[in-house]
Amino acid sequence: MTTYAPHDATLDERTRTAWGAYRDELADLSGKAYDEAENTAWERLQETLRDIEGDRAALHIGGDTEH
């Protein structure tokens, strides 16, 4: 498992990368091939985004409490 520094910019980049991977995975597909791959790609994206949001929540819980 990859470890990331808990900075919002890093988490934002991970989010952009996850969406880019989703888009790229489906970019050259159409018709039935797209339909078959999209659900799996979407589930993978959602799992990655949940992980990122968990890291973001942990950052805010354990991070700077001054606002």
PDB file of N, CA and C in Angstrom:
ATOM      1  N   MET A   1       0.845  -1.168   0.000  1.00  0.00           N
ATOM      2  CA  MET A   1       0.000   0.000   0.000  1.00  0.00           C
ATOM      3  C   MET A   1       0.891   1.233   0.000  1.00  0.00           C
ATOM      4  N   THR A   2       0.531   2.206  -0.804  1.00  0.00           N
ATOM      5  CA  THR A   2       1.274   3.450  -0.910  1.00  0.00           C
ATOM      6  C   THR A   2       0.876   4.378   0.220  1.00  0.00           C
ATOM      7  N   THR A   3       1.857   5.053   0.804  1.00  0.00           N
ATOM      8  CA  THR A   3       1.597   6.027   1.849  1.00  0.00           C
ATOM      9  C   THR A   3       1.742   7.419   1.264  1.00  0.00           C
ATOM     10  N   TYR A   4       0.823   8.307   1.613  1.00  0.00           N
ATOM     11  CA  TYR A   4       0.831   9.669   1.112  1.00  0.00           C
ATOM     12  C   TYR A   4       0.941  10.637   2.278  1.00  0.00           C
ATOM     13  N   ALA A   5       1.638  11.737   2.048  1.00  0.00           N
ATOM     14  CA  ALA A   5       1.667  12.812   3.033  1.00  0.00           C
ATOM     15  C   ALA A   5       0.267  13.388   3.130  1.00  0.00           C
ATOM     16  N   PRO A   6      -0.196  13.668   4.333  1.00  0.00           N
ATOM     17  CA  PRO A   6      -1.582  14.117   4.509  1.00  0.00           C
ATOM     18  C   PRO A   6      -1.774  15.604   4.220  1.00  0.00           C
ATOM     19  N   HIS A   7      -1.545  16.012   2.998  1.00  0.00           N
ATOM     20  CA  HIS A   7      -1.761  17.400   2.607  1.00  0.00           C
ATOM     21  C   HIS A   7      -2.944  17.448   1.651  1.00  0.00           C
ATOM     22  N   ASP A   8      -3.762  18.470   1.805  1.00  0.00           N
ATOM     23  CA  ASP A   8      -4.929  18.591   0.929  1.00  0.00           C
ATOM     24  C   ASP A   8      -4.539  18.589  -0.543  1.00  0.00           C
ATOM     25  N   ALA A   9      -3.441  19.233  -0.910  1.00  0.00           N
ATOM     26  CA  ALA A   9      -3.016  19.276  -2.308  1.00  0.00           C
ATOM     27  C   ALA A   9      -2.713  17.867  -2.815  1.00  0.00           C
ATOM     28  N   THR A  10      -2.113  17.058  -1.978  1.00  0.00           N
ATOM     29  CA  THR A  10      -1.819  15.674  -2.356  1.00  0.00           C
ATOM     30  C   THR A  10      -3.110  14.895  -2.556  1.00  0.00           C
ATOM     31  N   LEU A  11      -4.060  15.110  -1.675  1.00  0.00           N
ATOM     32  CA  LEU A  11      -5.346  14.419  -1.795  1.00  0.00           C
ATOM     33  C   LEU A  11      -6.101  14.889  -3.036  1.00  0.00           C
ATOM     34  N   ASP A  12      -6.017  16.172  -3.326  1.00  0.00           N
ATOM     35  CA  ASP A  12      -6.642  16.693  -4.541  1.00  0.00           C
ATOM     36  C   ASP A  12      -6.011  16.073  -5.787  1.00  0.00           C
ATOM     37  N   GLU A  13      -4.707  15.930  -5.779  1.00  0.00           N
ATOM     38  CA  GLU A  13      -4.014  15.317  -6.921  1.00  0.00           C
ATOM     39  C   GLU A  13      -4.407  13.851  -7.055  1.00  0.00           C
ATOM     40  N   ARG A  14      -4.508  13.150  -5.950  1.00  0.00           N
ATOM     41  CA  ARG A  14      -4.955  11.754  -6.002  1.00  0.00           C
ATOM     42  C   ARG A  14      -6.356  11.660  -6.589  1.00  0.00           C
ATOM     43  N   THR A  15      -7.230  12.605  -6.247  1.00  0.00           N
ATOM     44  CA  THR A  15      -8.590  12.622  -6.799  1.00  0.00           C
ATOM     45  C   THR A  15      -8.551  12.836  -8.302  1.00  0.00           C
ATOM     46  N   ARG A  16      -7.771  13.813  -8.760  1.00  0.00           N
ATOM     47  CA  ARG A  16      -7.642  14.059 -10.207  1.00  0.00           C
ATOM     48  C   ARG A  16      -7.081  12.830 -10.916  1.00  0.00           C
ATOM     49  N   THR A  17      -6.094  12.187 -10.302  1.00  0.00           N
ATOM     50  CA  THR A  17      -5.482  11.000 -10.900  1.00  0.00           C
ATOM     51  C   THR A  17      -6.497   9.868 -11.004  1.00  0.00           C
ATOM     52  N   ALA A  18      -7.311   9.686  -9.975  1.00  0.00           N
ATOM     53  CA  ALA A  18      -8.328   8.628  -9.986  1.00  0.00           C
ATOM     54  C   ALA A  18      -9.336   8.856 -11.107  1.00  0.00           C
ATOM     55  N   TRP A  19      -9.803  10.096 -11.252  1.00  0.00           N
ATOM     56  CA  TRP A  19     -10.751  10.407 -12.334  1.00  0.00           C
ATOM     57  C   TRP A  19     -10.091  10.238 -13.697  1.00  0.00           C
ATOM     58  N   GLY A  20      -8.839  10.629 -13.807  1.00  0.00           N
ATOM     59  CA  GLY A  20      -8.110  10.467 -15.066  1.00  0.00           C
ATOM     60  C   GLY A  20      -7.965   9.005 -15.446  1.00  0.00           C
ATOM     61  N   ALA A  21      -7.670   8.165 -14.465  1.00  0.00           N
ATOM     62  CA  ALA A  21      -7.543   6.732 -14.728  1.00  0.00           C
ATOM     63  C   ALA A  21      -8.871   6.151 -15.193  1.00  0.00           C
ATOM     64  N   TYR A  22      -9.962   6.580 -14.562  1.00  0.00           N
ATOM     65  CA  TYR A  22     -11.298   6.129 -14.965  1.00  0.00           C
ATOM     66  C   TYR A  22     -11.574   6.522 -16.420  1.00  0.00           C
ATOM     67  N   ARG A  23     -11.335   7.777 -16.720  1.00  0.00           N
ATOM     68  CA  ARG A  23     -11.565   8.283 -18.080  1.00  0.00           C
ATOM     69  C   ARG A  23     -10.702   7.532 -19.102  1.00  0.00           C
ATOM     70  N   ASP A  24      -9.419   7.384 -18.778  1.00  0.00           N
ATOM     71  CA  ASP A  24      -8.499   6.731 -19.704  1.00  0.00           C
ATOM     72  C   ASP A  24      -8.842   5.268 -19.940  1.00  0.00           C
ATOM     73  N   GLU A  25      -9.323   4.608 -18.887  1.00  0.00           N
ATOM     74  CA  GLU A  25      -9.685   3.194 -19.005  1.00  0.00           C
ATOM     75  C   GLU A  25     -10.822   2.990 -20.010  1.00  0.00           C
ATOM     76  N   LEU A  26     -11.682   3.982 -20.137  1.00  0.00           N
ATOM     77  CA  LEU A  26     -12.858   3.857 -21.000  1.00  0.00           C
ATOM     78  C   LEU A  26     -12.731   4.598 -22.323  1.00  0.00           C
ATOM     79  N   ALA A  27     -11.693   5.379 -22.477  1.00  0.00           N
ATOM     80  CA  ALA A  27     -11.580   6.307 -23.609  1.00  0.00           C
ATOM     81  C   ALA A  27     -11.689   5.642 -24.977  1.00  0.00           C
ATOM     82  N   ASP A  28     -11.088   4.511 -25.168  1.00  0.00           N
ATOM     83  CA  ASP A  28     -11.056   3.889 -26.489  1.00  0.00           C
ATOM     84  C   ASP A  28     -12.146   2.841 -26.687  1.00  0.00           C
ATOM     85  N   LEU A  29     -13.082   2.778 -25.754  1.00  0.00           N
ATOM     86  CA  LEU A  29     -14.128   1.768 -25.822  1.00  0.00           C
ATOM     87  C   LEU A  29     -15.436   2.383 -26.312  1.00  0.00           C
ATOM     88  N   SER A  30     -16.248   1.551 -26.913  1.00  0.00           N
ATOM     89  CA  SER A  30     -17.579   1.986 -27.312  1.00  0.00           C
ATOM     90  C   SER A  30     -18.500   0.780 -27.328  1.00  0.00           C
ATOM     91  N   GLY A  31     -19.778   1.072 -27.383  1.00  0.00           N
ATOM     92  CA  GLY A  31     -20.770   0.010 -27.483  1.00  0.00           C
ATOM     93  C   GLY A  31     -20.718  -0.974 -26.328  1.00  0.00           C
ATOM     94  N   LYS A  32     -20.793  -2.235 -26.673  1.00  0.00           N
ATOM     95  CA  LYS A  32     -20.840  -3.293 -25.667  1.00  0.00           C
ATOM     96  C   LYS A  32     -19.562  -3.341 -24.834  1.00  0.00           C
ATOM     97  N   ALA A  33     -18.421  -3.116 -25.450  1.00  0.00           N
ATOM     98  CA  ALA A  33     -17.155  -3.134 -24.712  1.00  0.00           C
ATOM     99  C   ALA A  33     -17.155  -2.052 -23.631  1.00  0.00           C
ATOM    100  N   TYR A  34     -17.667  -0.867 -23.971  1.00  0.00           N
ATOM    101  CA  TYR A  34     -17.765   0.215 -22.988  1.00  0.00           C
ATOM    102  C   TYR A  34     -18.716  -0.186 -21.864  1.00  0.00           C
ATOM    103  N   ASP A  35     -19.892  -0.674 -22.239  1.00  0.00           N
ATOM    104  CA  ASP A  35     -20.893  -1.059 -21.242  1.00  0.00           C
ATOM    105  C   ASP A  35     -20.341  -2.091 -20.268  1.00  0.00           C
ATOM    106  N   GLU A  36     -19.590  -3.052 -20.781  1.00  0.00           N
ATOM    107  CA  GLU A  36     -19.036  -4.107 -19.932  1.00  0.00           C
ATOM    108  C   GLU A  36     -17.929  -3.587 -19.011  1.00  0.00           C
ATOM    109  N   ALA A  37     -17.137  -2.655 -19.481  1.00  0.00           N
ATOM    110  CA  ALA A  37     -16.012  -2.148 -18.692  1.00  0.00           C
ATOM    111  C   ALA A  37     -16.408  -1.027 -17.739  1.00  0.00           C
ATOM    112  N   GLU A  38     -17.446  -0.289 -18.063  1.00  0.00           N
ATOM    113  CA  GLU A  38     -17.780   0.911 -17.290  1.00  0.00           C
ATOM    114  C   GLU A  38     -18.137   0.602 -15.843  1.00  0.00           C
ATOM    115  N   ASN A  39     -18.928  -0.398 -15.595  1.00  0.00           N
ATOM    116  CA  ASN A  39     -19.337  -0.704 -14.226  1.00  0.00           C
ATOM    117  C   ASN A  39     -18.132  -1.041 -13.352  1.00  0.00           C
ATOM    118  N   THR A  40     -17.232  -1.852 -13.867  1.00  0.00           N
ATOM    119  CA  THR A  40     -16.031  -2.211 -13.112  1.00  0.00           C
ATOM    120  C   THR A  40     -15.159  -0.983 -12.871  1.00  0.00           C
ATOM    121  N   ALA A  41     -15.001  -0.172 -13.897  1.00  0.00           N
ATOM    122  CA  ALA A  41     -14.191   1.039 -13.761  1.00  0.00           C
ATOM    123  C   ALA A  41     -14.822   1.989 -12.743  1.00  0.00           C
ATOM    124  N   TRP A  42     -16.153   2.117 -12.773  1.00  0.00           N
ATOM    125  CA  TRP A  42     -16.849   2.994 -11.846  1.00  0.00           C
ATOM    126  C   TRP A  42     -16.666   2.510 -10.405  1.00  0.00           C
ATOM    127  N   GLU A  43     -16.812   1.218 -10.187  1.00  0.00           N
ATOM    128  CA  GLU A  43     -16.639   0.667  -8.845  1.00  0.00           C
ATOM    129  C   GLU A  43     -15.214   0.903  -8.336  1.00  0.00           C
ATOM    130  N   ARG A  44     -14.243   0.732  -9.189  1.00  0.00           N
ATOM    131  CA  ARG A  44     -12.847   0.965  -8.818  1.00  0.00           C
ATOM    132  C   ARG A  44     -12.634   2.441  -8.472  1.00  0.00           C
ATOM    133  N   LEU A  45     -13.207   3.333  -9.280  1.00  0.00           N
ATOM    134  CA  LEU A  45     -13.117   4.766  -9.010  1.00  0.00           C
ATOM    135  C   LEU A  45     -13.757   5.096  -7.661  1.00  0.00           C
ATOM    136  N   GLN A  46     -14.950   4.581  -7.413  1.00  0.00           N
ATOM    137  CA  GLN A  46     -15.640   4.876  -6.160  1.00  0.00           C
ATOM    138  C   GLN A  46     -14.848   4.385  -4.951  1.00  0.00           C
ATOM    139  N   GLU A  47     -14.243   3.219  -5.057  1.00  0.00           N
ATOM    140  CA  GLU A  47     -13.418   2.697  -3.961  1.00  0.00           C
ATOM    141  C   GLU A  47     -12.223   3.614  -3.704  1.00  0.00           C
ATOM    142  N   THR A  48     -11.586   4.044  -4.766  1.00  0.00           N
ATOM    143  CA  THR A  48     -10.438   4.946  -4.633  1.00  0.00           C
ATOM    144  C   THR A  48     -10.868   6.267  -4.015  1.00  0.00           C
ATOM    145  N   LEU A  49     -11.989   6.818  -4.476  1.00  0.00           N
ATOM    146  CA  LEU A  49     -12.470   8.088  -3.923  1.00  0.00           C
ATOM    147  C   LEU A  49     -12.852   7.951  -2.450  1.00  0.00           C
ATOM    148  N   ARG A  50     -13.420   6.815  -2.055  1.00  0.00           N
ATOM    149  CA  ARG A  50     -13.726   6.582  -0.639  1.00  0.00           C
ATOM    150  C   ARG A  50     -12.444   6.561   0.190  1.00  0.00           C
ATOM    151  N   ASP A  51     -11.401   5.906  -0.324  1.00  0.00           N
ATOM    152  CA  ASP A  51     -10.112   5.878   0.377  1.00  0.00           C
ATOM    153  C   ASP A  51      -9.563   7.289   0.544  1.00  0.00           C
ATOM    154  N   ILE A  52      -9.632   8.076  -0.505  1.00  0.00           N
ATOM    155  CA  ILE A  52      -9.126   9.452  -0.460  1.00  0.00           C
ATOM    156  C   ILE A  52      -9.927  10.273   0.551  1.00  0.00           C
ATOM    157  N   GLU A  53     -11.237  10.140   0.536  1.00  0.00           N
ATOM    158  CA  GLU A  53     -12.066  10.892   1.489  1.00  0.00           C
ATOM    159  C   GLU A  53     -11.800  10.447   2.918  1.00  0.00           C
ATOM    160  N   GLY A  54     -11.525   9.169   3.120  1.00  0.00           N
ATOM    161  CA  GLY A  54     -11.145   8.694   4.448  1.00  0.00           C
ATOM    162  C   GLY A  54      -9.845   9.335   4.910  1.00  0.00           C
ATOM    163  N   ASP A  55      -8.890   9.431   4.002  1.00  0.00           N
ATOM    164  CA  ASP A  55      -7.629  10.100   4.327  1.00  0.00           C
ATOM    165  C   ASP A  55      -7.853  11.583   4.592  1.00  0.00           C
ATOM    166  N   ARG A  56      -8.745  12.209   3.820  1.00  0.00           N
ATOM    167  CA  ARG A  56      -9.044  13.626   4.012  1.00  0.00           C
ATOM    168  C   ARG A  56      -9.695  13.850   5.390  1.00  0.00           C
ATOM    169  N   ALA A  57     -10.619  12.972   5.753  1.00  0.00           N
ATOM    170  CA  ALA A  57     -11.276  13.086   7.058  1.00  0.00           C
ATOM    171  C   ALA A  57     -10.264  12.899   8.184  1.00  0.00           C
ATOM    172  N   ALA A  58      -9.379  11.936   8.035  1.00  0.00           N
ATOM    173  CA  ALA A  58      -8.358  11.702   9.055  1.00  0.00           C
ATOM    174  C   ALA A  58      -7.441  12.914   9.187  1.00  0.00           C
ATOM    175  N   LEU A  59      -7.128  13.549   8.081  1.00  0.00           N
ATOM    176  CA  LEU A  59      -6.300  14.747   8.104  1.00  0.00           C
ATOM    177  C   LEU A  59      -6.977  15.846   8.912  1.00  0.00           C
ATOM    178  N   HIS A  60      -8.266  16.041   8.697  1.00  0.00           N
ATOM    179  CA  HIS A  60      -8.978  17.118   9.373  1.00  0.00           C
ATOM    180  C   HIS A  60      -9.242  16.793  10.837  1.00  0.00           C
ATOM    181  N   ILE A  61      -9.398  15.528  11.163  1.00  0.00           N
ATOM    182  CA  ILE A  61      -9.606  15.138  12.552  1.00  0.00           C
ATOM    183  C   ILE A  61      -8.307  15.270  13.334  1.00  0.00           C
ATOM    184  N   GLY A  62      -7.225  14.807  12.750  1.00  0.00           N
ATOM    185  CA  GLY A  62      -5.948  14.813  13.446  1.00  0.00           C
ATOM    186  C   GLY A  62      -5.069  15.983  13.109  1.00  0.00           C
ATOM    187  N   GLY A  63      -5.507  16.805  12.168  1.00  0.00           N
ATOM    188  CA  GLY A  63      -4.688  17.912  11.687  1.00  0.00           C
ATOM    189  C   GLY A  63      -4.891  19.177  12.469  1.00  0.00           C
ATOM    190  N   ASP A  64      -4.668  20.262  11.820  1.00  0.00           N
ATOM    191  CA  ASP A  64      -4.757  21.589  12.409  1.00  0.00           C
ATOM    192  C   ASP A  64      -6.173  21.869  12.870  1.00  0.00           C
ATOM    193  N   THR A  65      -6.330  22.206  14.137  1.00  0.00           N
ATOM    194  CA  THR A  65      -7.657  22.484  14.681  1.00  0.00           C
ATOM    195  C   THR A  65      -7.943  23.968  14.761  1.00  0.00           C
ATOM    196  N   GLU A  66      -6.986  24.822  14.377  1.00  0.00           N
ATOM    197  CA  GLU A  66      -7.223  26.258  14.384  1.00  0.00           C
ATOM    198  C   GLU A  66      -7.902  26.659  13.086  1.00  0.00           C
ATOM    199  N   HIS A  67      -8.970  27.422  13.182  1.00  0.00           N
ATOM    200  CA  HIS A  67      -9.686  27.880  11.987  1.00  0.00           C
ATOM    201  C   HIS A  67      -9.809  29.360  12.004  1.00  0.00           C
TER     202      HIS A  67
END
